[in-house]
Protein backbone atom coordinates (compact mmCIF):
# COMPACT_ATOMS: atom_id res chain seq x y z
CA MET A 1 -44.62 12.57 -40.73
CA ARG A 2 -41.72 11.42 -38.57
CA PRO A 3 -40.19 13.43 -35.71
CA THR A 4 -37.16 15.35 -36.95
CA THR A 5 -33.68 14.29 -35.91
CA THR A 6 -30.64 16.51 -35.52
CA GLU A 7 -27.65 15.01 -37.35
CA PRO A 8 -25.58 13.04 -34.80
CA ASP A 9 -22.25 14.37 -36.06
CA HIS A 10 -23.32 17.84 -34.88
CA ARG A 11 -24.06 16.65 -31.35
CA VAL A 12 -21.74 16.70 -28.34
CA PHE A 13 -23.06 14.76 -25.34
CA LEU A 14 -21.72 15.37 -21.85
CA PHE A 15 -22.60 12.62 -19.35
CA LEU A 16 -22.78 13.32 -15.63
CA GLN A 17 -23.72 10.74 -12.97
CA GLY A 18 -25.80 7.75 -14.02
CA PRO A 19 -27.43 4.70 -12.49
CA HIS A 20 -24.98 2.33 -10.78
CA GLY A 21 -23.44 -0.09 -13.22
CA PRO A 22 -22.52 -0.18 -16.92
CA PHE A 23 -25.61 1.41 -18.52
CA PHE A 24 -24.17 4.91 -19.10
CA ASN A 25 -20.98 3.43 -20.53
CA ALA A 26 -22.97 1.33 -23.02
CA LEU A 27 -25.19 4.30 -23.91
CA GLY A 28 -22.17 6.51 -24.55
CA ARG A 29 -20.62 3.84 -26.76
CA MET A 30 -23.77 3.63 -28.88
CA LEU A 31 -24.03 7.41 -29.22
CA ARG A 32 -20.42 7.48 -30.43
CA ALA A 33 -21.33 4.82 -32.99
CA SER A 34 -24.11 7.14 -34.26
CA GLY A 35 -21.48 9.79 -35.04
CA ALA A 36 -21.88 11.98 -31.97
CA GLN A 37 -19.08 13.10 -29.67
CA VAL A 38 -19.35 11.84 -26.10
CA TRP A 39 -17.66 12.99 -22.89
CA ARG A 40 -18.11 11.93 -19.27
CA VAL A 41 -17.50 13.89 -16.07
CA GLY A 42 -16.75 11.65 -13.10
CA PHE A 43 -17.01 12.76 -9.48
CA ASN A 44 -15.63 9.72 -7.67
CA ALA A 45 -13.86 6.40 -8.19
CA GLY A 46 -17.15 4.60 -8.79
CA ASP A 47 -17.98 6.89 -11.71
CA GLN A 48 -14.49 6.35 -13.11
CA PHE A 49 -14.59 2.56 -12.86
CA PHE A 50 -17.83 2.17 -14.78
CA TRP A 51 -16.78 4.49 -17.65
CA ARG A 52 -14.46 2.33 -19.71
CA ASP A 53 -13.36 4.85 -22.38
CA ARG A 54 -10.52 6.65 -20.62
CA ALA A 55 -9.94 9.10 -23.49
CA SER A 56 -13.37 10.66 -22.98
CA TYR A 57 -13.32 10.64 -19.16
CA ILE A 58 -12.97 14.00 -17.35
CA PRO A 59 -12.42 13.78 -13.57
CA PHE A 60 -13.82 16.53 -11.38
CA ARG A 61 -11.71 16.73 -8.23
CA ASP A 62 -12.29 20.32 -7.16
CA ARG A 63 -14.61 21.58 -4.44
CA PRO A 64 -18.37 21.31 -5.05
CA GLU A 65 -18.55 25.13 -4.97
CA ASP A 66 -16.32 25.19 -8.07
CA TRP A 67 -18.61 22.94 -10.10
CA PRO A 68 -20.79 25.59 -11.85
CA GLU A 69 -17.75 27.50 -13.10
CA THR A 70 -16.01 24.30 -14.18
CA LEU A 71 -19.09 23.05 -16.01
CA THR A 72 -19.58 26.35 -17.83
CA ALA A 73 -15.97 26.33 -19.02
CA LEU A 74 -16.23 22.69 -20.05
CA MET A 75 -19.39 23.32 -22.05
CA ASP A 76 -17.63 26.15 -23.88
CA GLU A 77 -14.49 24.12 -24.54
CA LYS A 78 -16.30 21.02 -25.83
CA ARG A 79 -19.18 22.94 -27.46
CA VAL A 80 -21.65 20.76 -25.62
CA THR A 81 -25.11 20.44 -27.17
CA ASP A 82 -26.58 17.83 -24.80
CA ILE A 83 -26.23 16.83 -21.14
CA VAL A 84 -27.16 13.33 -19.93
CA LEU A 85 -27.87 12.53 -16.27
CA TYR A 86 -29.74 10.23 -13.92
CA GLY A 87 -32.08 12.13 -11.61
CA ASP A 88 -32.21 15.92 -11.66
CA THR A 89 -32.29 16.92 -7.99
CA ARG A 90 -28.85 16.07 -6.56
CA PRO A 91 -26.94 19.38 -6.31
CA ILE A 92 -24.46 18.81 -9.15
CA HIS A 93 -27.31 17.83 -11.47
CA ALA A 94 -29.68 20.61 -10.42
CA GLN A 95 -26.94 23.16 -11.08
CA ALA A 96 -26.15 21.55 -14.44
CA VAL A 97 -29.80 21.62 -15.50
CA ALA A 98 -30.09 25.32 -14.62
CA ILE A 99 -26.92 26.19 -16.57
CA ALA A 100 -27.98 24.07 -19.54
CA ARG A 101 -31.37 25.77 -19.74
CA GLN A 102 -29.73 29.20 -19.76
CA ARG A 103 -27.53 28.13 -22.67
CA GLY A 104 -30.19 26.28 -24.70
CA VAL A 105 -28.50 22.91 -24.14
CA THR A 106 -30.76 19.85 -24.25
CA VAL A 107 -30.99 17.92 -20.95
CA HIS A 108 -31.67 14.18 -21.13
CA VAL A 109 -32.96 12.85 -17.80
CA PHE A 110 -33.15 9.16 -16.92
CA GLU A 111 -35.05 7.84 -13.91
CA GLU A 112 -36.52 4.62 -12.62
CA GLY A 113 -39.76 3.84 -14.40
CA TYR A 114 -42.92 5.65 -13.38
CA LEU A 115 -44.56 2.33 -14.24
CA ARG A 116 -41.78 0.20 -12.78
CA PRO A 117 -40.55 -2.49 -12.65
CA TRP A 118 -41.00 -3.24 -16.35
CA TRP A 119 -40.00 0.18 -17.70
CA VAL A 120 -37.54 3.02 -17.18
CA THR A 121 -38.24 6.73 -17.62
CA TYR A 122 -36.64 8.98 -20.24
CA GLU A 123 -37.56 12.69 -20.29
CA ARG A 124 -36.10 16.07 -21.21
CA ASN A 125 -35.22 18.86 -18.75
CA GLY A 126 -36.72 17.28 -15.61
CA SER A 127 -38.31 14.26 -13.97
CA ASN A 128 -40.74 13.51 -11.13
CA GLY A 129 -41.89 16.84 -9.70
CA ASN A 130 -39.94 18.67 -12.45
CA SER A 131 -41.41 16.59 -15.28
CA ARG A 132 -43.46 18.10 -18.11
CA LEU A 133 -46.14 15.65 -17.01
CA MET A 134 -46.86 17.93 -14.06
CA GLY A 135 -48.32 20.52 -16.43
CA LEU A 136 -50.26 18.11 -18.65
CA SER A 137 -53.90 17.33 -17.91
CA VAL A 138 -55.57 14.04 -18.71
CA ASP A 139 -57.65 15.91 -21.33
CA GLN A 140 -54.47 17.07 -23.07
CA MET A 141 -53.19 13.50 -23.00
CA ASP A 142 -56.47 12.37 -24.57
CA GLN A 143 -56.03 14.88 -27.38
CA ALA A 144 -52.53 13.58 -28.09
CA LEU A 145 -53.64 9.96 -28.01
CA ALA A 146 -56.39 10.75 -30.54
CA ARG A 147 -53.64 11.35 -33.10
CA SER A 148 -52.03 7.97 -32.43
CA ASP A 149 -53.17 4.64 -33.80
CA ALA A 150 -50.40 2.67 -32.09
CA PRO A 151 -51.46 -0.44 -30.18
CA THR A 152 -51.19 -0.37 -26.41
CA PRO A 153 -47.67 -1.57 -25.51
CA ALA A 154 -47.53 -4.98 -23.89
CA VAL A 155 -46.16 -5.63 -20.42
CA ALA A 156 -42.48 -6.50 -20.63
CA SER A 157 -40.99 -9.75 -19.45
CA HIS A 158 -39.22 -9.73 -16.08
CA TRP A 159 -35.76 -8.18 -16.21
CA GLY A 160 -34.59 -9.45 -12.83
CA ASP A 161 -33.17 -6.03 -11.97
CA MET A 162 -33.40 -6.01 -8.16
CA ARG A 163 -30.54 -8.46 -7.58
CA GLN A 164 -28.29 -6.67 -10.09
CA HIS A 165 -29.37 -3.28 -8.73
CA ILE A 166 -28.17 -4.23 -5.25
CA PHE A 167 -24.95 -5.76 -6.62
CA TYR A 168 -23.96 -2.74 -8.71
CA GLY A 169 -24.90 -0.36 -5.91
CA ALA A 170 -22.65 -2.20 -3.46
CA PHE A 171 -19.82 -2.45 -6.02
CA TYR A 172 -20.03 1.26 -6.84
CA HIS A 173 -19.96 2.28 -3.19
CA TRP A 174 -17.04 -0.04 -2.51
CA PHE A 175 -14.97 2.12 -4.89
CA VAL A 176 -16.24 5.29 -3.22
CA LEU A 177 -15.36 3.93 0.22
CA PHE A 178 -11.95 2.33 -0.50
CA ARG A 179 -10.60 3.79 -3.76
CA ASN A 180 -11.58 7.45 -3.60
CA ALA A 181 -8.26 8.99 -2.51
CA ARG A 182 -7.94 10.98 -5.75
CA TYR A 183 -11.39 12.54 -5.22
CA ARG A 184 -10.89 13.99 -1.74
CA ASN A 185 -13.36 16.82 -2.33
CA PHE A 186 -16.20 14.50 -3.33
CA ARG A 187 -19.39 15.23 -1.41
CA ARG A 188 -22.29 12.81 -1.53
CA HIS A 189 -25.80 14.10 -2.21
CA ARG A 190 -27.14 11.95 0.64
CA GLU A 191 -26.90 12.83 4.31
CA LEU A 192 -25.13 9.74 5.67
CA PRO A 193 -21.52 8.88 4.77
CA VAL A 194 -20.92 5.76 2.67
CA SER A 195 -19.41 3.92 5.64
CA GLN A 196 -22.56 4.41 7.69
CA GLU A 197 -24.80 3.27 4.84
CA PHE A 198 -22.63 0.16 4.46
CA LYS A 199 -23.13 -0.64 8.13
CA LEU A 200 -26.88 -0.21 7.85
CA TYR A 201 -27.15 -2.39 4.76
CA PHE A 202 -24.87 -5.04 6.22
CA LYS A 203 -27.01 -5.12 9.33
CA ARG A 204 -30.11 -5.49 7.17
CA LEU A 205 -28.46 -8.27 5.17
CA ALA A 206 -27.59 -10.14 8.36
CA ARG A 207 -31.17 -9.83 9.57
CA MET A 208 -32.84 -10.85 6.31
CA PRO A 209 -33.92 -14.31 7.58
CA LEU A 210 -35.55 -12.67 10.60
CA HIS A 211 -37.19 -10.01 8.43
CA ARG A 212 -38.53 -12.72 6.13
CA LEU A 213 -40.19 -14.47 9.05
CA GLN A 214 -41.55 -11.18 10.40
CA ARG A 215 -42.91 -10.28 6.96
CA ARG A 216 -44.66 -13.62 6.50
CA TRP A 217 -46.17 -13.44 9.96
CA ALA A 218 -47.30 -9.81 9.57
CA THR A 219 -48.72 -10.35 6.07
CA GLY A 220 -50.47 -13.53 7.14
CA ARG A 221 -52.03 -11.79 10.11
CA VAL A 222 -53.41 -9.00 7.91
CA ARG A 223 -54.90 -11.47 5.44
CA ARG A 224 -56.23 -13.90 8.08
CA ASP A 225 -57.98 -11.34 10.27
CA GLY A 226 -60.55 -10.48 7.60
CA PHE A 227 -60.91 -6.83 8.62
CA PRO A 228 -61.02 -4.05 5.99
CA TYR A 229 -57.61 -2.38 5.85
CA HIS A 230 -55.89 0.68 4.40
CA LEU A 231 -52.28 0.67 3.19
CA VAL A 232 -49.60 3.24 3.97
CA LEU A 233 -46.89 2.97 1.31
CA LEU A 234 -43.65 4.01 2.98
CA GLN A 235 -40.73 5.33 0.93
CA LEU A 236 -37.02 5.83 1.54
CA GLY A 237 -36.85 8.99 3.60
CA HIS A 238 -33.59 10.12 1.98
CA ASP A 239 -34.87 9.62 -1.57
CA SER A 240 -35.04 12.69 -3.79
CA SER A 241 -38.75 12.17 -4.45
CA VAL A 242 -39.37 12.79 -0.74
CA GLN A 243 -36.70 15.40 -0.04
CA ALA A 244 -37.19 17.47 -3.20
CA HIS A 245 -40.87 16.91 -4.01
CA SER A 246 -42.67 16.88 -0.67
CA GLU A 247 -42.97 18.86 2.53
CA TYR A 248 -41.77 15.97 4.72
CA ALA A 249 -38.26 15.95 6.16
CA THR A 250 -38.59 12.39 7.50
CA MET A 251 -40.73 9.34 6.91
CA THR A 252 -41.58 9.37 10.62
CA ALA A 253 -43.45 12.67 10.23
CA PHE A 254 -45.56 11.22 7.42
CA ALA A 255 -46.26 7.99 9.31
CA GLU A 256 -47.36 9.83 12.45
CA GLN A 257 -49.73 12.01 10.43
CA MET A 258 -51.29 8.91 8.88
CA VAL A 259 -51.80 7.26 12.27
CA ALA A 260 -53.47 10.40 13.62
CA GLY A 261 -55.74 10.73 10.58
CA PHE A 262 -56.72 7.09 10.71
CA ALA A 263 -57.51 7.26 14.43
CA ALA A 264 -59.73 10.30 13.85
CA GLY A 265 -61.57 9.18 10.74
CA ALA A 266 -61.55 5.44 10.01
CA PRO A 267 -64.42 3.15 11.05
CA ALA A 268 -63.63 1.32 14.29
CA HIS A 269 -63.41 -2.09 12.63
CA HIS A 270 -60.88 -0.99 9.99
CA ARG A 271 -57.13 -1.60 10.19
CA LEU A 272 -54.08 0.42 9.06
CA VAL A 273 -51.18 -1.47 7.45
CA PHE A 274 -47.76 0.16 6.98
CA LYS A 275 -45.80 -1.38 4.10
CA GLU A 276 -42.05 -0.79 4.36
CA HIS A 277 -39.96 -0.02 1.25
CA PRO A 278 -38.04 -3.12 0.01
CA LEU A 279 -34.70 -1.27 0.28
CA GLU A 280 -35.34 0.33 3.66
CA ASN A 281 -32.12 0.26 5.73
CA HIS A 282 -33.66 1.52 8.98
CA ARG A 283 -31.81 4.78 9.37
CA GLU A 284 -35.08 5.76 11.04
CA PRO A 285 -36.57 3.21 13.50
CA LEU A 286 -39.84 3.33 11.58
CA ARG A 287 -41.51 0.27 13.03
CA LYS A 288 -40.98 1.48 16.59
CA ARG A 289 -42.19 4.99 15.81
CA VAL A 290 -45.29 3.74 13.99
CA LEU A 291 -46.25 1.48 16.88
CA ASP A 292 -45.47 4.23 19.42
CA ALA A 293 -47.80 6.59 17.52
CA ALA A 294 -50.51 3.92 17.40
CA ARG A 295 -50.29 3.42 21.16
CA ALA A 296 -50.43 7.18 21.74
CA HIS A 297 -53.71 7.34 19.77
CA GLY A 298 -55.17 4.27 21.44
CA ILE A 299 -55.23 2.11 18.30
CA ALA A 300 -52.25 -0.21 18.85
CA ASP A 301 -54.43 -3.26 18.13
CA ARG A 302 -55.52 -1.80 14.76
CA VAL A 303 -52.10 -0.95 13.26
CA HIS A 304 -49.83 -3.44 11.49
CA TYR A 305 -46.28 -3.05 10.16
CA VAL A 306 -45.01 -5.21 7.27
CA PRO A 307 -41.20 -5.14 6.73
CA GLY A 308 -40.23 -5.05 3.04
CA GLY A 309 -41.37 -7.65 0.55
CA LYS A 310 -43.63 -7.38 -2.48
CA LEU A 311 -46.67 -5.15 -2.55
CA ALA A 312 -49.09 -7.00 -4.85
CA GLY A 313 -50.44 -9.45 -2.27
CA LEU A 314 -51.34 -6.67 0.15
CA LEU A 315 -52.87 -4.47 -2.54
CA ASP A 316 -55.29 -7.13 -3.73
CA ASP A 317 -57.65 -6.70 -0.76
CA ALA A 318 -56.85 -3.13 0.34
CA SER A 319 -59.69 -0.63 0.79
CA SER A 320 -57.43 2.32 -0.01
CA ALA A 321 -53.80 3.44 0.01
CA VAL A 322 -51.90 6.57 1.01
CA THR A 323 -48.40 7.64 0.01
CA ILE A 324 -46.23 10.72 -0.28
CA ASN A 325 -45.48 10.25 -3.98
CA SER A 326 -44.26 6.66 -4.39
CA THR A 327 -44.35 5.14 -7.87
CA ALA A 328 -46.19 2.29 -6.13
CA GLY A 329 -49.17 4.63 -6.37
CA GLN A 330 -49.38 3.57 -10.02
CA GLN A 331 -50.04 -0.01 -8.91
CA VAL A 332 -52.82 1.26 -6.66
CA LEU A 333 -54.46 3.16 -9.52
CA TRP A 334 -54.03 0.21 -11.89
CA ARG A 335 -56.24 -1.81 -9.53
CA GLY A 336 -58.82 0.97 -9.20
CA ILE A 337 -58.13 1.40 -5.47
CA PRO A 338 -58.70 4.85 -3.91
CA LEU A 339 -55.41 6.73 -3.50
CA ARG A 340 -54.41 9.79 -1.50
CA SER A 341 -50.96 11.30 -2.08
CA PHE A 342 -49.25 14.02 -0.05
CA GLY A 343 -46.35 15.12 -2.29
CA ARG A 344 -45.79 16.18 -5.87
CA SER A 345 -46.07 13.26 -8.28
CA VAL A 346 -46.64 12.75 -11.99
CA TYR A 347 -49.90 10.88 -11.35
CA ASP A 348 -51.37 13.61 -9.14
CA LYS A 349 -54.31 14.39 -11.42
CA PRO A 350 -57.80 15.25 -10.12
CA GLU A 351 -59.32 12.31 -11.98
CA LEU A 352 -56.94 9.89 -10.28
CA VAL A 353 -55.93 11.03 -6.79
CA SER A 354 -58.28 12.04 -3.96
CA LYS A 355 -57.89 15.47 -2.38
CA GLN A 356 -59.92 14.66 0.72
CA PRO A 357 -58.57 15.57 4.16
CA VAL A 358 -56.84 12.51 5.56
CA GLU A 359 -59.56 11.85 8.16
CA ALA A 360 -62.30 12.01 5.53
CA PHE A 361 -60.29 9.81 3.17
CA PHE A 362 -59.95 7.01 5.73
CA ALA A 363 -63.67 7.38 6.57
CA ASP A 364 -64.94 7.16 2.97
CA PRO A 365 -62.22 7.30 0.26
CA THR A 366 -63.05 8.66 -3.18
CA PRO A 367 -62.11 6.12 -5.90
CA PRO A 368 -60.16 7.04 -9.05
CA ASP A 369 -61.70 7.35 -12.51
CA ASN A 370 -60.56 4.03 -13.95
CA ALA A 371 -61.10 5.06 -17.58
CA ALA A 372 -59.04 8.21 -17.05
CA TYR A 373 -56.21 6.18 -15.53
CA GLN A 374 -56.16 3.81 -18.50
CA ARG A 375 -55.75 6.80 -20.83
CA TYR A 376 -53.09 8.35 -18.59
CA ARG A 377 -51.19 5.07 -18.46
CA ARG A 378 -51.36 4.64 -22.23
CA PHE A 379 -49.98 8.16 -22.69
CA LEU A 380 -46.98 7.32 -20.52
CA LEU A 381 -46.37 4.03 -22.34
CA GLU A 382 -46.37 5.79 -25.72
CA THR A 383 -43.98 8.50 -24.55
CA SER A 384 -41.53 8.39 -21.65
CA GLN A 385 -41.78 4.78 -20.43
CA ILE A 386 -39.36 2.48 -22.25
CA THR A 387 -39.22 -1.28 -21.87
CA GLY A 388 -35.95 -2.46 -20.35
CA GLY A 389 -33.85 -1.82 -17.30
CA PHE A 390 -30.60 -0.23 -16.16
CA TYR A 391 -29.13 -3.15 -14.27
CA SER A 392 -29.66 -6.55 -15.91
CA ARG A 393 -27.88 -7.33 -19.17
CA ARG A 394 -31.09 -8.24 -20.97
CA GLY A 395 -32.86 -5.12 -19.68
CA ARG A 396 -30.02 -2.86 -20.84
CA ARG A 397 -29.97 -4.50 -24.24
CA GLN A 398 -33.68 -3.83 -24.77
CA LEU A 399 -33.42 -0.27 -23.47
CA LEU A 400 -30.47 0.62 -25.71
CA ARG A 401 -32.28 -0.59 -28.81
CA GLN A 402 -34.84 2.15 -28.30
CA VAL A 403 -33.49 5.10 -26.37
CA VAL A 404 -30.64 6.33 -28.61
CA ASP A 405 -33.03 7.16 -31.44
CA MET A 406 -35.26 8.96 -28.94
CA MET A 407 -32.32 11.03 -27.70
CA LEU A 408 -31.30 12.05 -31.20
CA ARG A 409 -34.75 13.39 -32.07
CA ASP A 410 -35.38 17.12 -31.83
CA GLN A 411 -38.63 16.64 -29.92
CA ASP A 412 -38.98 15.17 -26.48
CA PRO A 413 -41.25 12.11 -26.08
CA TYR A 414 -44.30 14.17 -25.06
CA GLN A 415 -43.94 16.71 -27.88
CA ALA A 416 -43.53 13.91 -30.41
CA LEU A 417 -46.88 12.40 -29.49
CA GLN A 418 -48.63 15.76 -29.21
CA THR A 419 -47.47 17.10 -32.58
CA THR A 420 -47.14 14.10 -34.90
CA SER A 421 -49.33 11.23 -35.97
CA ALA A 422 -46.28 8.96 -36.13
CA ALA A 423 -46.05 8.74 -32.37
CA MET A 424 -43.02 7.25 -30.73
CA THR A 425 -43.76 3.59 -30.02
CA PRO A 426 -40.43 2.05 -29.01
CA GLN A 427 -42.08 -0.18 -26.42
CA LEU A 428 -43.68 -2.63 -28.82
CA LYS A 429 -40.80 -5.07 -29.14
CA ILE A 430 -40.42 -7.16 -26.02
CA VAL A 431 -37.44 -9.38 -25.24
CA ARG A 432 -38.57 -12.74 -23.87
């Protein structure tokens, strides 16, 4: 029994904002080829540039307060059946999701992969803390997997997305900064203006050689000292996963809590290592604040700060890790390392994530159930995690081969696996 598919010529897709670059344009083109109607609402010059079909482009130039009324009228006029967006928490998207639900319109949500970097996430109606995964237990996942005889999907080849991600992000924001005169009412969903973010990223770019030396020195020191250490996985403080799905307003507040908990609970010979996010642009002086907190608690010689870089080398010997809700937590669980999270995340299951008070966790962390994580991971790979990427050409090509058929099906990826024996297994073909 195959999942049912609504005939494409009865579908009208309305695209909102997508990942930087050409992915949404290519996806819309393929949906049109299936027989569906496709429209795109653009909110700034960057959106407009990356949507090449001018006949289907609808600029929104009114005030943000006018958006719900405009969207409702547009959905009536075009008889919209489906909305497509990237991330569901920015205000224009959150409002669109709420309106779509009231009207019975299907919402297709794209996000970076929960098992990144080799996959992207495709879900219906919500992602991250709004994902249907939040209400699914590992036991329910087991029951669904029992109906599937699909082989475990292989790890994809490297898409090389980071370089292209940075390029398309800079290109997109160049249009917003210098070509946005026709969108005077545009309001960004992030706190800082584009010009300020440009300055921060340019400053980071100029300091990359220094950061590289600092990272090598800091990483080498951690590995040479031979002490047991615990990792703090820092995130981007302005990211929606922090702002919408945690109780922390800043990354500083989280970091200071971790220093205090470590000072109170960890054995005296243990160390605490803060790992900075690779795209951190230092809108908060995190390194200074971490070291200030360490000095205040009398543990300055036991706290290390690693700027950016890759995580794998530090994880290999870590005793435990803490995070708000970073997807890097999946790498921790993959290695069987104890994990404590402090926000809402799709992997926050009792079999996987410790619920100990932070002091007790640093004193004696509870490890995850490795067998349960393998089942959880397999469930994700057979449902919402799709091989490919938004930013590299090869990654987009692989993603597009799979995701259009998934979007045209009546059932979302989780329902398809839970209700049919012919589970969705689009991840099996890997581009090399």
